[in-house]
C-alpha cells in the first residue's frame, strides 16, 4: 500500500497539481551510499526559516541513514527540482522534540503518525518526548 501511495505522491509532486500537496510534502531524491540505488522519498516538512526545511522520520526507517554522509541531494519542492544540503540528527532528543512539535503543530496528520495526542489544540509534551526518542530529524538547507 505505501508503495502505491508514495508513487501517487511523487507523481503529483512533479505535476501541475503539486499545489495540492506542496505546502506540507516534498520529495527527497538521493542514491544509497552502499548500493547506489536511487531513492525517492516523500516526507512531510515545515519551514523552519526561508532557506531551511525540517522533516522528522522514525529511526527504524533505515533510508535516512543514507543521508548522513551525503553533502548534497536533490529535492522536489513546490513542483521544482532543487539541489539542497542535509543535516541528520538522531541523538539530540531535545532538538528532535522541538522539530517534531513544530511539525505536529503544522500538520495533525504528522502528529497522528508520530502517536502524538493534542490537548486544547497543542501537542502533548509527554507524547512529544516519547516520540522524539524514536525519531530522526532531517534539516534541508535550500540554495540561496
N, C-alpha and C. Protein backbone atom coordinates (compact mmCIF):
# COMPACT_ATOMS: atom_id res chain seq x y z
N UNK A 1 0.80 -1.19 0.00
CA UNK A 1 0.00 0.00 0.00
C UNK A 1 0.86 1.27 0.00
N UNK A 2 1.91 1.32 0.84
CA UNK A 2 2.76 2.52 0.91
C UNK A 2 3.48 2.77 -0.40
N UNK A 3 3.84 1.70 -1.12
CA UNK A 3 4.49 1.89 -2.42
C UNK A 3 3.56 2.62 -3.38
N UNK A 4 2.29 2.24 -3.36
CA UNK A 4 1.32 2.89 -4.23
C UNK A 4 1.11 4.35 -3.81
N UNK A 5 0.96 4.58 -2.50
CA UNK A 5 0.77 5.95 -2.00
C UNK A 5 1.98 6.82 -2.35
N UNK A 6 3.18 6.30 -2.14
CA UNK A 6 4.39 7.06 -2.48
C UNK A 6 4.44 7.36 -3.97
N UNK A 7 4.09 6.39 -4.80
CA UNK A 7 4.07 6.61 -6.25
C UNK A 7 3.12 7.76 -6.61
N UNK A 8 1.94 7.76 -6.03
CA UNK A 8 0.95 8.81 -6.30
C UNK A 8 1.48 10.17 -5.84
N UNK A 9 2.02 10.23 -4.63
CA UNK A 9 2.54 11.50 -4.08
C UNK A 9 3.69 12.02 -4.94
N UNK A 10 4.60 11.16 -5.32
CA UNK A 10 5.74 11.58 -6.16
C UNK A 10 5.23 12.08 -7.51
N UNK A 11 4.27 11.37 -8.08
CA UNK A 11 3.70 11.79 -9.36
C UNK A 11 3.05 13.17 -9.26
N UNK A 12 2.28 13.38 -8.21
CA UNK A 12 1.64 14.69 -8.02
C UNK A 12 2.68 15.77 -7.82
N UNK A 13 3.73 15.48 -7.06
CA UNK A 13 4.75 16.49 -6.77
C UNK A 13 5.47 16.98 -8.02
N UNK A 14 5.49 16.16 -9.06
CA UNK A 14 6.15 16.51 -10.32
C UNK A 14 5.20 17.14 -11.33
N UNK A 15 3.93 17.20 -10.99
CA UNK A 15 2.92 17.62 -11.97
C UNK A 15 2.43 19.05 -11.71
N UNK A 16 1.53 19.49 -12.57
CA UNK A 16 0.89 20.79 -12.38
C UNK A 16 -0.01 20.81 -11.15
N UNK A 17 -0.31 19.64 -10.62
CA UNK A 17 -1.18 19.54 -9.45
C UNK A 17 -0.41 19.61 -8.13
N UNK A 18 0.89 19.87 -8.20
CA UNK A 18 1.72 19.89 -6.99
C UNK A 18 1.20 20.82 -5.90
N UNK A 19 0.49 21.94 -6.21
CA UNK A 19 -0.01 22.79 -5.11
C UNK A 19 -0.94 22.05 -4.14
N UNK A 20 -1.52 20.94 -4.56
CA UNK A 20 -2.38 20.16 -3.67
C UNK A 20 -1.62 19.62 -2.47
N UNK A 21 -0.32 19.37 -2.62
CA UNK A 21 0.46 18.76 -1.55
C UNK A 21 1.70 19.56 -1.15
N UNK A 22 2.09 20.52 -1.96
CA UNK A 22 3.38 21.20 -1.79
C UNK A 22 3.54 22.00 -0.50
N UNK A 23 2.46 22.33 0.16
CA UNK A 23 2.58 23.10 1.40
C UNK A 23 3.02 22.24 2.58
N UNK A 24 2.96 20.92 2.41
CA UNK A 24 3.34 20.07 3.53
C UNK A 24 4.18 18.85 3.14
N UNK A 25 4.35 18.59 1.85
CA UNK A 25 5.11 17.41 1.43
C UNK A 25 6.12 17.80 0.36
N UNK A 26 7.33 17.26 0.51
CA UNK A 26 8.35 17.37 -0.52
C UNK A 26 8.92 15.98 -0.76
N UNK A 27 9.72 15.83 -1.79
CA UNK A 27 10.31 14.53 -2.11
C UNK A 27 11.82 14.65 -2.07
N UNK A 28 12.45 13.77 -1.31
CA UNK A 28 13.91 13.68 -1.26
C UNK A 28 14.37 12.71 -2.33
N UNK A 29 15.40 13.09 -3.07
CA UNK A 29 15.94 12.23 -4.13
C UNK A 29 17.44 12.07 -3.87
N UNK A 30 17.88 10.82 -3.68
CA UNK A 30 19.28 10.56 -3.38
C UNK A 30 19.63 9.12 -3.74
N UNK A 31 20.92 8.82 -3.75
CA UNK A 31 21.39 7.47 -4.02
C UNK A 31 21.83 6.82 -2.72
N UNK A 32 21.60 5.51 -2.62
CA UNK A 32 22.05 4.75 -1.47
C UNK A 32 23.56 4.75 -1.40
N UNK A 33 24.09 4.89 -0.22
CA UNK A 33 25.55 5.01 -0.07
C UNK A 33 26.28 3.70 -0.36
N UNK A 34 25.66 2.56 -0.13
CA UNK A 34 26.30 1.27 -0.41
C UNK A 34 25.87 0.68 -1.74
N UNK A 35 24.59 0.75 -2.04
CA UNK A 35 24.05 0.08 -3.22
C UNK A 35 24.02 0.97 -4.46
N UNK A 36 24.00 2.28 -4.26
CA UNK A 36 23.84 3.20 -5.38
C UNK A 36 22.41 3.26 -5.88
N UNK A 37 21.51 2.56 -5.19
CA UNK A 37 20.09 2.55 -5.56
C UNK A 37 19.53 3.97 -5.43
N UNK A 38 18.68 4.35 -6.39
CA UNK A 38 18.07 5.68 -6.37
C UNK A 38 16.81 5.64 -5.50
N UNK A 39 16.73 6.58 -4.57
CA UNK A 39 15.57 6.67 -3.70
C UNK A 39 14.81 7.95 -3.97
N UNK A 40 13.49 7.85 -3.96
CA UNK A 40 12.58 8.99 -3.97
C UNK A 40 11.68 8.80 -2.76
N UNK A 41 11.85 9.66 -1.77
CA UNK A 41 11.13 9.51 -0.51
C UNK A 41 10.28 10.75 -0.24
N UNK A 42 8.95 10.61 -0.28
CA UNK A 42 8.11 11.75 0.10
C UNK A 42 8.14 11.92 1.63
N UNK A 43 8.27 13.14 2.09
CA UNK A 43 8.29 13.43 3.52
C UNK A 43 7.46 14.68 3.81
N UNK A 44 6.87 14.70 4.98
CA UNK A 44 6.21 15.91 5.46
C UNK A 44 7.30 16.85 5.95
N UNK A 45 7.04 18.14 5.83
CA UNK A 45 8.03 19.12 6.28
C UNK A 45 7.32 20.36 6.82
N UNK A 46 8.10 21.16 7.51
CA UNK A 46 7.66 22.51 7.83
C UNK A 46 8.82 23.45 7.55
N UNK A 47 8.50 24.70 7.30
CA UNK A 47 9.54 25.70 7.02
C UNK A 47 10.06 26.27 8.32
N UNK A 48 11.28 25.93 8.65
CA UNK A 48 11.95 26.43 9.85
C UNK A 48 12.34 27.89 9.63
N UNK A 49 12.82 28.16 8.44
CA UNK A 49 13.12 29.53 8.01
C UNK A 49 13.00 29.55 6.49
N UNK A 50 13.26 30.70 5.89
CA UNK A 50 13.08 30.83 4.44
C UNK A 50 13.94 29.83 3.65
N UNK A 51 15.11 29.53 4.12
CA UNK A 51 16.02 28.64 3.40
C UNK A 51 16.18 27.27 4.07
N UNK A 52 15.45 27.02 5.16
CA UNK A 52 15.62 25.76 5.89
C UNK A 52 14.28 25.08 6.13
N UNK A 53 14.23 23.81 5.73
CA UNK A 53 13.04 22.98 5.93
C UNK A 53 13.42 21.85 6.88
N UNK A 54 12.45 21.37 7.63
CA UNK A 54 12.72 20.30 8.58
C UNK A 54 11.67 19.21 8.43
N UNK A 55 12.12 17.97 8.45
CA UNK A 55 11.21 16.84 8.49
C UNK A 55 11.69 15.88 9.57
N UNK A 56 10.80 15.01 9.99
CA UNK A 56 11.10 14.05 11.05
C UNK A 56 10.60 12.69 10.58
N UNK A 57 11.40 11.65 10.83
CA UNK A 57 11.00 10.29 10.45
C UNK A 57 11.37 9.33 11.56
N UNK A 58 10.73 8.17 11.58
CA UNK A 58 11.04 7.14 12.57
C UNK A 58 12.45 6.61 12.35
N UNK A 59 13.19 6.43 13.43
CA UNK A 59 14.55 5.86 13.33
C UNK A 59 14.57 4.47 12.72
N UNK A 60 13.60 3.60 13.02
CA UNK A 60 13.64 2.27 12.40
C UNK A 60 13.55 2.30 10.87
N UNK A 61 13.04 3.39 10.29
CA UNK A 61 13.06 3.52 8.83
C UNK A 61 14.50 3.82 8.41
N UNK A 62 15.18 2.83 7.90
CA UNK A 62 16.64 2.96 7.72
C UNK A 62 17.06 3.82 6.53
N UNK A 63 16.15 4.25 5.67
CA UNK A 63 16.53 5.02 4.49
C UNK A 63 17.30 6.29 4.84
N UNK A 64 16.99 6.93 5.96
CA UNK A 64 17.60 8.20 6.33
C UNK A 64 19.10 8.07 6.60
N UNK A 65 19.56 6.88 6.90
CA UNK A 65 20.99 6.68 7.16
C UNK A 65 21.84 6.99 5.92
N UNK A 66 21.23 6.86 4.75
CA UNK A 66 21.94 7.21 3.51
C UNK A 66 22.28 8.70 3.44
N UNK A 67 21.56 9.52 4.18
CA UNK A 67 21.76 10.96 4.13
C UNK A 67 22.90 11.45 5.02
N UNK A 68 23.38 10.60 5.92
CA UNK A 68 24.39 11.03 6.89
C UNK A 68 25.67 11.49 6.21
N UNK A 69 26.12 10.79 5.20
CA UNK A 69 27.40 11.12 4.57
C UNK A 69 27.26 11.82 3.22
N UNK A 70 26.05 12.24 2.89
CA UNK A 70 25.82 12.91 1.60
C UNK A 70 25.87 14.42 1.82
N UNK A 71 26.64 15.10 1.01
CA UNK A 71 26.72 16.55 1.13
C UNK A 71 25.55 17.25 0.45
N UNK A 72 25.10 16.68 -0.67
CA UNK A 72 24.04 17.34 -1.43
C UNK A 72 23.08 16.30 -1.98
N UNK A 73 21.79 16.63 -1.94
CA UNK A 73 20.76 15.79 -2.54
C UNK A 73 19.92 16.67 -3.45
N UNK A 74 19.00 16.03 -4.13
CA UNK A 74 18.00 16.79 -4.89
C UNK A 74 16.67 16.64 -4.17
N UNK A 75 15.84 17.66 -4.27
CA UNK A 75 14.51 17.58 -3.71
C UNK A 75 13.51 18.10 -4.74
N UNK A 76 12.32 17.56 -4.68
CA UNK A 76 11.22 18.12 -5.46
C UNK A 76 10.43 18.95 -4.47
N UNK A 77 10.52 20.26 -4.62
CA UNK A 77 9.93 21.20 -3.67
C UNK A 77 9.08 22.21 -4.42
N UNK A 78 7.81 22.19 -4.12
CA UNK A 78 6.85 23.08 -4.78
C UNK A 78 6.92 22.99 -6.30
N UNK A 79 7.02 21.75 -6.78
CA UNK A 79 6.99 21.50 -8.21
C UNK A 79 8.31 21.65 -8.93
N UNK A 80 9.37 22.02 -8.21
CA UNK A 80 10.67 22.24 -8.83
C UNK A 80 11.71 21.29 -8.25
N UNK A 81 12.63 20.87 -9.12
CA UNK A 81 13.76 20.05 -8.68
C UNK A 81 14.86 21.02 -8.24
N UNK A 82 15.32 20.88 -6.99
CA UNK A 82 16.36 21.74 -6.45
C UNK A 82 17.46 20.90 -5.82
N UNK A 83 18.65 21.44 -5.78
CA UNK A 83 19.74 20.82 -5.02
C UNK A 83 19.69 21.41 -3.62
N UNK A 84 19.99 20.59 -2.63
CA UNK A 84 19.95 21.03 -1.24
C UNK A 84 20.96 20.24 -0.42
N UNK A 85 21.39 20.83 0.67
CA UNK A 85 22.24 20.09 1.61
C UNK A 85 21.35 19.59 2.75
N UNK A 86 21.80 18.56 3.43
CA UNK A 86 21.01 17.98 4.52
C UNK A 86 21.87 17.79 5.76
N UNK A 87 21.22 17.88 6.90
CA UNK A 87 21.84 17.59 8.19
C UNK A 87 20.91 16.63 8.92
N UNK A 88 21.47 15.52 9.38
CA UNK A 88 20.67 14.49 10.05
C UNK A 88 21.01 14.50 11.54
N UNK A 89 19.97 14.46 12.37
CA UNK A 89 20.16 14.40 13.82
C UNK A 89 19.36 13.23 14.37
N UNK A 90 20.06 12.26 14.97
CA UNK A 90 19.37 11.09 15.52
C UNK A 90 19.69 10.86 16.99
N UNK A 91 20.44 11.77 17.61
CA UNK A 91 20.83 11.58 19.01
C UNK A 91 20.31 12.67 19.94
N UNK A 92 20.19 13.89 19.48
CA UNK A 92 19.77 15.01 20.32
C UNK A 92 18.24 15.04 20.42
N UNK A 93 17.71 14.31 21.40
CA UNK A 93 16.26 14.18 21.53
C UNK A 93 15.57 15.51 21.78
N UNK A 94 16.23 16.45 22.43
CA UNK A 94 15.61 17.77 22.67
C UNK A 94 15.40 18.53 21.36
N UNK A 95 16.40 18.50 20.51
CA UNK A 95 16.26 19.15 19.20
C UNK A 95 15.19 18.45 18.36
N UNK A 96 15.23 17.13 18.37
CA UNK A 96 14.24 16.35 17.62
C UNK A 96 12.84 16.66 18.15
N UNK A 97 12.70 16.75 19.47
CA UNK A 97 11.40 17.06 20.06
C UNK A 97 10.90 18.43 19.61
N UNK A 98 11.78 19.41 19.57
CA UNK A 98 11.40 20.75 19.12
C UNK A 98 10.94 20.71 17.66
N UNK A 99 11.68 19.99 16.82
CA UNK A 99 11.29 19.87 15.41
C UNK A 99 9.97 19.11 15.27
N UNK A 100 9.81 18.06 16.04
CA UNK A 100 8.58 17.28 15.99
C UNK A 100 7.39 18.12 16.45
N UNK A 101 7.57 18.91 17.50
CA UNK A 101 6.48 19.76 17.99
C UNK A 101 6.03 20.74 16.90
N UNK A 102 6.99 21.36 16.23
CA UNK A 102 6.66 22.31 15.16
C UNK A 102 5.96 21.59 14.01
N UNK A 103 6.44 20.41 13.67
CA UNK A 103 5.81 19.65 12.58
C UNK A 103 4.39 19.24 12.96
N UNK A 104 4.18 18.82 14.20
CA UNK A 104 2.84 18.41 14.65
C UNK A 104 1.89 19.61 14.70
N UNK A 105 2.40 20.77 15.04
CA UNK A 105 1.55 21.97 15.02
C UNK A 105 1.20 22.36 13.59
N UNK A 106 2.13 22.11 12.68
CA UNK A 106 1.91 22.40 11.26
C UNK A 106 0.89 21.44 10.65
N UNK A 107 0.93 20.17 11.09
CA UNK A 107 0.09 19.15 10.49
C UNK A 107 -0.31 18.10 11.51
N UNK A 108 -1.60 18.00 11.77
CA UNK A 108 -2.08 16.97 12.70
C UNK A 108 -1.89 15.56 12.16
N UNK A 109 -1.79 15.43 10.86
CA UNK A 109 -1.52 14.12 10.26
C UNK A 109 -0.18 13.60 10.77
N UNK A 110 0.81 14.49 10.83
CA UNK A 110 2.12 14.08 11.35
C UNK A 110 2.04 13.69 12.82
N UNK A 111 1.22 14.40 13.58
CA UNK A 111 1.00 14.04 14.98
C UNK A 111 0.39 12.65 15.10
N UNK A 112 -0.55 12.34 14.24
CA UNK A 112 -1.18 11.02 14.24
C UNK A 112 -0.14 9.93 14.01
N UNK A 113 0.69 10.08 12.97
CA UNK A 113 1.68 9.06 12.66
C UNK A 113 2.78 8.96 13.72
N UNK A 114 3.06 10.06 14.41
CA UNK A 114 4.07 10.05 15.48
C UNK A 114 3.48 9.60 16.81
N UNK A 115 2.17 9.34 16.83
CA UNK A 115 1.45 8.96 18.05
C UNK A 115 1.50 10.07 19.10
N UNK A 116 1.35 11.30 18.61
CA UNK A 116 1.30 12.47 19.49
C UNK A 116 -0.15 12.93 19.57
N UNK A 117 -0.65 12.99 20.80
CA UNK A 117 -2.00 13.47 21.02
C UNK A 117 -1.98 14.98 21.24
N UNK A 118 -3.17 15.57 21.23
CA UNK A 118 -3.31 17.02 21.37
C UNK A 118 -4.23 17.34 22.53
N UNK A 119 -3.94 18.44 23.20
CA UNK A 119 -4.80 18.96 24.25
C UNK A 119 -4.97 20.45 24.00
N UNK A 120 -6.19 20.86 23.82
CA UNK A 120 -6.51 22.26 23.50
C UNK A 120 -5.74 22.75 22.28
N UNK A 121 -5.63 21.86 21.28
CA UNK A 121 -5.01 22.21 20.02
C UNK A 121 -3.49 22.17 20.00
N UNK A 122 -2.86 21.82 21.11
CA UNK A 122 -1.39 21.77 21.19
C UNK A 122 -0.92 20.34 21.42
N UNK A 123 0.22 19.96 20.84
CA UNK A 123 0.75 18.62 21.08
C UNK A 123 1.08 18.42 22.57
N UNK A 124 0.77 17.25 23.08
CA UNK A 124 1.05 16.94 24.49
C UNK A 124 2.54 16.69 24.66
N UNK A 125 3.14 17.41 25.61
CA UNK A 125 4.59 17.39 25.85
C UNK A 125 5.11 15.97 26.10
N UNK A 126 4.41 15.21 26.92
CA UNK A 126 4.83 13.84 27.24
C UNK A 126 4.88 12.97 25.97
N UNK A 127 3.89 13.12 25.10
CA UNK A 127 3.87 12.37 23.85
C UNK A 127 5.01 12.79 22.94
N UNK A 128 5.29 14.09 22.89
CA UNK A 128 6.40 14.60 22.07
C UNK A 128 7.72 14.01 22.55
N UNK A 129 7.92 13.99 23.86
CA UNK A 129 9.17 13.47 24.43
C UNK A 129 9.34 11.98 24.09
N UNK A 130 8.26 11.24 24.26
CA UNK A 130 8.30 9.79 23.96
C UNK A 130 8.58 9.56 22.47
N UNK A 131 7.88 10.32 21.62
CA UNK A 131 8.06 10.15 20.17
C UNK A 131 9.45 10.57 19.72
N UNK A 132 9.97 11.66 20.28
CA UNK A 132 11.29 12.15 19.87
C UNK A 132 12.38 11.11 20.13
N UNK A 133 12.21 10.28 21.14
CA UNK A 133 13.23 9.28 21.46
C UNK A 133 13.32 8.18 20.40
N UNK A 134 12.35 8.11 19.51
CA UNK A 134 12.38 7.10 18.44
C UNK A 134 12.40 7.73 17.04
N UNK A 135 12.70 9.03 16.98
CA UNK A 135 12.67 9.76 15.71
C UNK A 135 14.05 10.28 15.32
N UNK A 136 14.13 10.66 14.05
CA UNK A 136 15.32 11.30 13.48
C UNK A 136 14.85 12.58 12.82
N UNK A 137 15.63 13.64 12.98
CA UNK A 137 15.31 14.92 12.37
C UNK A 137 16.22 15.14 11.16
N UNK A 138 15.65 15.64 10.09
CA UNK A 138 16.41 15.94 8.87
C UNK A 138 16.17 17.40 8.51
N UNK A 139 17.25 18.18 8.53
CA UNK A 139 17.18 19.58 8.15
C UNK A 139 17.65 19.71 6.71
N UNK A 140 16.88 20.40 5.91
CA UNK A 140 17.17 20.57 4.49
C UNK A 140 17.47 22.04 4.25
N UNK A 141 18.66 22.32 3.77
CA UNK A 141 19.08 23.68 3.50
C UNK A 141 18.98 23.97 2.01
N UNK A 142 18.10 24.90 1.68
CA UNK A 142 17.87 25.26 0.28
C UNK A 142 18.96 26.20 -0.21
N UNK A 143 19.21 26.20 -1.51
CA UNK A 143 20.20 27.13 -2.08
C UNK A 143 19.70 28.56 -1.95
N UNK A 144 20.64 29.49 -1.81
CA UNK A 144 20.25 30.89 -1.69
C UNK A 144 20.12 31.55 -3.03
